[in-house]
């Protein structure tokens, strides 16, 4: 004869004494998870996108792309390329690379231009 299994009642305590449906972490009365008082750290992708976006607002130019991302003691340093001067053909565009410093929360704290070159130039050329 097959063993018959019954489902426990929803309000019955589980093996560890918790009411079923409740997690071990304390939930607030409104059903939301408790807040630790600080905002979650942004992801690397969020840091890079935000740095490029804020640089674009400051310079009034759209970023060409993020070319580097480095963790620092105080946050992040994001390398962003920006077209500073459009030319015909596109391979003659003047590109600038900026180092954008952001803090742990992803807020911009500073930036500076580290290089300026034509798009068609390879890194080995001076």
N, C-alpha and C. Protein backbone atom coordinates (compact mmCIF):
# COMPACT_ATOMS: atom_id res chain seq x y z
N UNK A 1 0.84 -1.17 0.00
CA UNK A 1 0.00 0.00 0.00
C UNK A 1 0.89 1.24 0.00
N UNK A 2 0.55 2.26 -0.82
CA UNK A 2 1.35 3.47 -0.95
C UNK A 2 1.17 4.37 0.26
N UNK A 3 2.26 5.02 0.63
CA UNK A 3 2.22 5.94 1.76
C UNK A 3 1.49 7.20 1.34
N UNK A 4 0.61 7.65 2.17
CA UNK A 4 -0.16 8.85 1.87
C UNK A 4 0.52 10.05 2.51
N UNK A 5 0.79 11.08 1.69
CA UNK A 5 1.43 12.29 2.19
C UNK A 5 0.41 13.41 2.24
N UNK A 6 0.43 14.12 3.31
CA UNK A 6 -0.47 15.27 3.43
C UNK A 6 0.36 16.53 3.43
N UNK A 7 -0.22 17.59 2.95
CA UNK A 7 0.45 18.89 2.94
C UNK A 7 0.21 19.57 4.27
N UNK A 8 1.24 20.20 4.85
CA UNK A 8 1.05 20.90 6.12
C UNK A 8 0.16 22.12 5.92
N UNK A 9 -0.54 22.51 6.97
CA UNK A 9 -1.38 23.70 6.90
C UNK A 9 -0.51 24.93 6.70
N UNK A 10 -1.05 25.93 6.07
CA UNK A 10 -0.29 27.16 5.79
C UNK A 10 0.11 27.87 7.07
N UNK A 11 -0.70 27.75 8.13
CA UNK A 11 -0.37 28.46 9.37
C UNK A 11 0.39 27.60 10.36
N UNK A 12 0.73 26.37 9.97
CA UNK A 12 1.47 25.48 10.87
C UNK A 12 2.93 25.86 10.87
N UNK A 13 3.59 25.82 12.03
CA UNK A 13 5.02 26.16 12.06
C UNK A 13 5.85 25.11 11.34
N UNK A 14 6.93 25.54 10.72
CA UNK A 14 7.84 24.61 10.06
C UNK A 14 8.76 23.99 11.10
N UNK A 15 9.67 23.16 10.65
CA UNK A 15 10.58 22.48 11.58
C UNK A 15 11.41 23.44 12.41
N UNK A 16 11.76 24.60 11.84
CA UNK A 16 12.61 25.54 12.58
C UNK A 16 11.81 26.53 13.42
N UNK A 17 10.50 26.34 13.53
CA UNK A 17 9.69 27.19 14.37
C UNK A 17 9.13 28.41 13.66
N UNK A 18 9.53 28.66 12.42
CA UNK A 18 9.04 29.80 11.64
C UNK A 18 7.65 29.47 11.10
N UNK A 19 6.80 30.48 10.99
CA UNK A 19 5.53 30.28 10.34
C UNK A 19 5.81 30.05 8.86
N UNK A 20 5.08 29.15 8.23
CA UNK A 20 5.28 28.90 6.81
C UNK A 20 4.98 30.19 6.04
N UNK A 21 5.78 30.41 4.99
CA UNK A 21 5.60 31.61 4.17
C UNK A 21 6.42 32.79 4.67
N UNK A 22 7.03 32.67 5.86
CA UNK A 22 7.89 33.75 6.36
C UNK A 22 9.33 33.37 6.14
N UNK A 23 10.12 34.33 5.79
CA UNK A 23 11.55 34.08 5.65
C UNK A 23 12.23 34.25 6.99
N UNK A 24 13.47 33.80 7.09
CA UNK A 24 14.22 33.95 8.33
C UNK A 24 14.51 35.41 8.62
N UNK A 25 14.71 36.25 7.56
CA UNK A 25 14.98 37.66 7.81
C UNK A 25 13.67 38.35 8.20
N UNK A 26 13.79 39.28 9.09
CA UNK A 26 12.60 39.97 9.58
C UNK A 26 12.01 40.81 8.48
N UNK A 27 10.71 40.67 8.27
CA UNK A 27 10.02 41.49 7.28
C UNK A 27 9.24 42.55 8.03
N UNK A 28 9.12 43.71 7.41
CA UNK A 28 8.37 44.78 8.05
C UNK A 28 6.89 44.49 7.93
N UNK A 29 6.08 45.24 8.63
CA UNK A 29 4.64 45.01 8.65
C UNK A 29 4.02 45.19 7.27
N UNK A 30 4.60 46.04 6.41
CA UNK A 30 4.03 46.26 5.09
C UNK A 30 4.48 45.22 4.07
N UNK A 31 5.21 44.20 4.52
CA UNK A 31 5.61 43.11 3.62
C UNK A 31 6.91 43.36 2.89
N UNK A 32 7.53 44.50 3.08
CA UNK A 32 8.78 44.79 2.39
C UNK A 32 9.96 44.36 3.25
N UNK A 33 11.05 44.06 2.60
CA UNK A 33 12.27 43.66 3.31
C UNK A 33 12.79 44.84 4.12
N UNK A 34 13.43 44.58 5.23
CA UNK A 34 13.97 45.67 6.04
C UNK A 34 15.08 46.40 5.30
N UNK A 35 15.24 47.67 5.60
CA UNK A 35 16.27 48.47 4.96
C UNK A 35 17.45 48.62 5.89
N UNK A 36 18.62 48.56 5.32
CA UNK A 36 19.83 48.65 6.15
C UNK A 36 20.26 50.09 6.37
N UNK A 37 19.60 51.05 5.75
CA UNK A 37 19.96 52.44 5.95
C UNK A 37 20.90 52.98 4.90
N UNK A 38 21.43 52.12 4.03
CA UNK A 38 22.30 52.61 2.96
C UNK A 38 21.81 52.03 1.63
N UNK A 39 22.08 52.76 0.56
CA UNK A 39 21.63 52.30 -0.75
C UNK A 39 22.56 51.19 -1.24
N UNK A 40 22.03 50.30 -2.05
CA UNK A 40 22.88 49.22 -2.56
C UNK A 40 23.95 49.77 -3.49
N UNK A 41 25.10 49.10 -3.51
CA UNK A 41 26.18 49.53 -4.41
C UNK A 41 25.77 49.28 -5.84
N UNK A 42 26.08 50.22 -6.74
CA UNK A 42 25.73 50.02 -8.15
C UNK A 42 26.59 48.93 -8.77
N UNK A 43 26.08 48.30 -9.81
CA UNK A 43 26.85 47.29 -10.54
C UNK A 43 27.91 47.99 -11.37
N UNK A 44 28.85 47.23 -11.86
CA UNK A 44 29.92 47.78 -12.70
C UNK A 44 29.32 48.42 -13.96
N UNK A 45 28.34 47.78 -14.53
CA UNK A 45 27.70 48.33 -15.74
C UNK A 45 27.02 49.66 -15.42
N UNK A 46 26.34 49.74 -14.28
CA UNK A 46 25.70 51.00 -13.89
C UNK A 46 26.73 52.09 -13.66
N UNK A 47 27.86 51.75 -13.05
CA UNK A 47 28.93 52.73 -12.82
C UNK A 47 29.44 53.27 -14.15
N UNK A 48 29.72 52.38 -15.10
CA UNK A 48 30.25 52.79 -16.40
C UNK A 48 29.25 53.65 -17.16
N UNK A 49 28.00 53.22 -17.22
CA UNK A 49 26.97 53.99 -17.94
C UNK A 49 26.74 55.36 -17.33
N UNK A 50 26.69 55.39 -16.01
CA UNK A 50 26.44 56.66 -15.33
C UNK A 50 27.61 57.63 -15.53
N UNK A 51 28.84 57.12 -15.45
CA UNK A 51 30.02 57.97 -15.65
C UNK A 51 30.02 58.55 -17.07
N UNK A 52 29.74 57.71 -18.06
CA UNK A 52 29.71 58.17 -19.45
C UNK A 52 28.59 59.19 -19.65
N UNK A 53 27.44 58.94 -19.05
CA UNK A 53 26.31 59.85 -19.19
C UNK A 53 26.56 61.20 -18.56
N UNK A 54 27.16 61.21 -17.37
CA UNK A 54 27.44 62.47 -16.70
C UNK A 54 28.52 63.25 -17.42
N UNK A 55 29.52 62.55 -17.97
CA UNK A 55 30.55 63.22 -18.75
C UNK A 55 29.92 63.87 -20.00
N UNK A 56 29.01 63.16 -20.64
CA UNK A 56 28.33 63.69 -21.82
C UNK A 56 27.58 64.99 -21.48
N UNK A 57 26.92 65.02 -20.33
CA UNK A 57 26.22 66.23 -19.91
C UNK A 57 27.19 67.38 -19.68
N UNK A 58 28.32 67.10 -19.07
CA UNK A 58 29.30 68.15 -18.78
C UNK A 58 29.94 68.70 -20.05
N UNK A 59 30.27 67.81 -20.99
CA UNK A 59 30.97 68.23 -22.21
C UNK A 59 30.03 68.67 -23.32
N UNK A 60 28.78 68.23 -23.27
CA UNK A 60 27.86 68.52 -24.35
C UNK A 60 28.14 67.68 -25.59
N UNK A 61 28.80 66.55 -25.40
CA UNK A 61 29.12 65.62 -26.51
C UNK A 61 28.77 64.21 -26.08
N UNK A 62 28.29 63.42 -27.02
CA UNK A 62 27.95 62.02 -26.72
C UNK A 62 29.21 61.17 -26.62
N UNK A 63 29.27 60.27 -25.64
CA UNK A 63 30.44 59.38 -25.54
C UNK A 63 30.44 58.38 -26.69
N UNK A 64 31.62 58.07 -27.15
CA UNK A 64 31.81 57.05 -28.18
C UNK A 64 31.77 55.66 -27.56
N UNK A 65 32.30 55.56 -26.35
CA UNK A 65 32.28 54.27 -25.65
C UNK A 65 33.13 54.30 -24.40
N UNK A 66 32.90 53.29 -23.57
CA UNK A 66 33.71 53.10 -22.36
C UNK A 66 34.87 52.19 -22.76
N UNK A 67 36.10 52.64 -22.50
CA UNK A 67 37.27 51.87 -22.93
C UNK A 67 38.04 51.26 -21.77
N UNK A 68 37.75 51.69 -20.55
CA UNK A 68 38.41 51.09 -19.39
C UNK A 68 37.57 51.31 -18.15
N UNK A 69 37.82 50.46 -17.17
CA UNK A 69 37.14 50.56 -15.89
C UNK A 69 38.07 49.98 -14.84
N UNK A 70 38.40 50.77 -13.84
CA UNK A 70 39.37 50.33 -12.85
C UNK A 70 38.88 50.69 -11.45
N UNK A 71 38.98 49.73 -10.55
CA UNK A 71 38.62 49.94 -9.15
C UNK A 71 39.72 50.76 -8.48
N UNK A 72 39.35 51.76 -7.69
CA UNK A 72 40.31 52.58 -6.96
C UNK A 72 39.99 52.48 -5.47
N UNK A 73 40.81 53.11 -4.65
CA UNK A 73 40.57 53.11 -3.21
C UNK A 73 39.26 53.80 -2.85
N UNK A 74 38.89 54.83 -3.62
CA UNK A 74 37.71 55.64 -3.31
C UNK A 74 36.49 55.33 -4.16
N UNK A 75 36.63 54.44 -5.14
CA UNK A 75 35.51 54.15 -6.03
C UNK A 75 35.97 53.52 -7.32
N UNK A 76 35.79 54.25 -8.43
CA UNK A 76 36.12 53.74 -9.76
C UNK A 76 36.74 54.84 -10.60
N UNK A 77 37.57 54.42 -11.58
CA UNK A 77 38.05 55.32 -12.64
C UNK A 77 37.59 54.71 -13.95
N UNK A 78 36.78 55.46 -14.69
CA UNK A 78 36.19 54.96 -15.93
C UNK A 78 36.82 55.73 -17.09
N UNK A 79 37.36 55.00 -18.08
CA UNK A 79 37.91 55.62 -19.28
C UNK A 79 36.82 55.73 -20.33
N UNK A 80 36.55 56.94 -20.80
CA UNK A 80 35.48 57.18 -21.76
C UNK A 80 36.05 57.91 -22.97
N UNK A 81 35.75 57.41 -24.17
CA UNK A 81 36.13 58.09 -25.41
C UNK A 81 34.98 58.97 -25.89
N UNK A 82 35.35 60.17 -26.36
CA UNK A 82 34.37 61.13 -26.85
C UNK A 82 34.90 61.70 -28.17
N UNK A 83 34.02 61.88 -29.16
CA UNK A 83 34.41 62.54 -30.41
C UNK A 83 34.41 64.04 -30.13
N UNK A 84 35.58 64.64 -30.22
CA UNK A 84 35.69 66.08 -29.98
C UNK A 84 35.52 66.90 -31.24
N UNK A 85 35.90 66.31 -32.39
CA UNK A 85 35.79 67.04 -33.65
C UNK A 85 35.46 66.05 -34.76
N UNK A 86 34.32 66.24 -35.40
CA UNK A 86 33.91 65.34 -36.49
C UNK A 86 34.51 65.86 -37.79
N UNK A 87 35.05 64.93 -38.57
CA UNK A 87 35.64 65.25 -39.87
C UNK A 87 35.17 64.25 -40.91
N UNK A 88 35.41 64.60 -42.15
CA UNK A 88 35.12 63.68 -43.26
C UNK A 88 36.45 63.34 -43.89
N UNK A 89 36.79 62.08 -44.00
CA UNK A 89 36.05 60.88 -43.60
C UNK A 89 36.09 60.69 -42.08
N UNK A 90 35.24 59.78 -41.58
CA UNK A 90 35.15 59.52 -40.14
C UNK A 90 36.48 59.10 -39.54
N UNK A 91 37.34 58.49 -40.32
CA UNK A 91 38.63 58.04 -39.80
C UNK A 91 39.53 59.21 -39.39
N UNK A 92 39.15 60.42 -39.77
CA UNK A 92 39.91 61.62 -39.39
C UNK A 92 39.31 62.34 -38.18
N UNK A 93 38.23 61.80 -37.59
CA UNK A 93 37.63 62.41 -36.40
C UNK A 93 38.68 62.55 -35.30
N UNK A 94 38.58 63.60 -34.51
CA UNK A 94 39.46 63.77 -33.35
C UNK A 94 38.73 63.20 -32.14
N UNK A 95 39.37 62.21 -31.52
CA UNK A 95 38.81 61.50 -30.37
C UNK A 95 39.60 61.90 -29.13
N UNK A 96 38.91 62.04 -28.01
CA UNK A 96 39.58 62.29 -26.73
C UNK A 96 39.19 61.18 -25.77
N UNK A 97 40.14 60.78 -24.97
CA UNK A 97 39.86 59.81 -23.92
C UNK A 97 39.91 60.55 -22.58
N UNK A 98 38.87 60.37 -21.78
CA UNK A 98 38.77 61.01 -20.47
C UNK A 98 38.81 59.95 -19.38
N UNK A 99 39.45 60.31 -18.27
CA UNK A 99 39.40 59.49 -17.06
C UNK A 99 38.36 60.14 -16.16
N UNK A 100 37.30 59.37 -15.86
CA UNK A 100 36.20 59.88 -15.04
C UNK A 100 36.26 59.17 -13.69
N UNK A 101 36.43 59.94 -12.63
CA UNK A 101 36.50 59.38 -11.28
C UNK A 101 35.12 59.44 -10.63
N UNK A 102 34.68 58.29 -10.12
CA UNK A 102 33.39 58.22 -9.43
C UNK A 102 33.60 57.58 -8.06
N UNK A 103 32.72 57.93 -7.12
CA UNK A 103 32.83 57.37 -5.78
C UNK A 103 32.12 56.02 -5.70
N UNK A 104 32.06 55.44 -4.49
CA UNK A 104 31.45 54.13 -4.28
C UNK A 104 30.00 54.05 -4.73
N UNK A 105 29.27 55.16 -4.63
CA UNK A 105 27.86 55.18 -5.02
C UNK A 105 27.68 55.41 -6.51
N UNK A 106 28.77 55.70 -7.22
CA UNK A 106 28.69 55.96 -8.64
C UNK A 106 28.55 57.42 -9.01
N UNK A 107 28.70 58.32 -8.02
CA UNK A 107 28.60 59.75 -8.28
C UNK A 107 29.92 60.29 -8.81
N UNK A 108 29.86 61.10 -9.86
CA UNK A 108 31.06 61.69 -10.45
C UNK A 108 31.71 62.65 -9.46
N UNK A 109 33.01 62.49 -9.28
CA UNK A 109 33.76 63.38 -8.39
C UNK A 109 34.83 64.16 -9.14
N UNK A 110 35.13 63.77 -10.39
CA UNK A 110 36.13 64.49 -11.17
C UNK A 110 36.37 63.81 -12.50
N UNK A 111 36.97 64.56 -13.42
CA UNK A 111 37.35 63.99 -14.71
C UNK A 111 38.48 64.82 -15.30
N UNK A 112 39.25 64.20 -16.21
CA UNK A 112 40.26 64.94 -16.95
C UNK A 112 40.57 64.19 -18.25
N UNK A 113 41.00 64.97 -19.25
CA UNK A 113 41.34 64.37 -20.54
C UNK A 113 42.74 63.79 -20.44
N UNK A 114 42.90 62.55 -20.86
CA UNK A 114 44.21 61.89 -20.77
C UNK A 114 44.88 61.72 -22.13
N UNK A 115 44.09 61.79 -23.20
CA UNK A 115 44.67 61.62 -24.54
C UNK A 115 43.75 62.25 -25.58
N UNK A 116 44.37 62.64 -26.69
CA UNK A 116 43.63 63.18 -27.83
C UNK A 116 44.32 62.67 -29.09
N UNK A 117 43.53 62.13 -30.03
CA UNK A 117 44.12 61.50 -31.22
C UNK A 117 43.07 61.40 -32.31
N UNK A 118 43.52 61.14 -33.54
CA UNK A 118 42.58 60.93 -34.63
C UNK A 118 42.10 59.47 -34.61
N UNK A 119 40.89 59.26 -35.02
CA UNK A 119 40.28 57.94 -34.97
C UNK A 119 41.11 56.90 -35.73
N UNK A 120 41.66 57.26 -36.86
CA UNK A 120 42.38 56.31 -37.69
C UNK A 120 43.76 55.94 -37.19
N UNK A 121 44.26 56.63 -36.17
CA UNK A 121 45.60 56.35 -35.65
C UNK A 121 45.59 55.11 -34.77
N UNK A 122 46.57 54.26 -34.96
CA UNK A 122 46.69 53.11 -34.08
C UNK A 122 47.45 53.50 -32.83
N UNK A 123 47.41 52.68 -31.82
CA UNK A 123 48.04 53.00 -30.54
C UNK A 123 49.56 53.07 -30.65
N UNK A 124 50.15 52.35 -31.59
CA UNK A 124 51.61 52.35 -31.75
C UNK A 124 52.14 53.63 -32.37
N UNK A 125 51.28 54.36 -33.09
CA UNK A 125 51.72 55.59 -33.75
C UNK A 125 51.83 56.71 -32.72
N UNK A 126 52.74 57.63 -32.94
CA UNK A 126 52.89 58.77 -32.03
C UNK A 126 52.34 60.03 -32.64
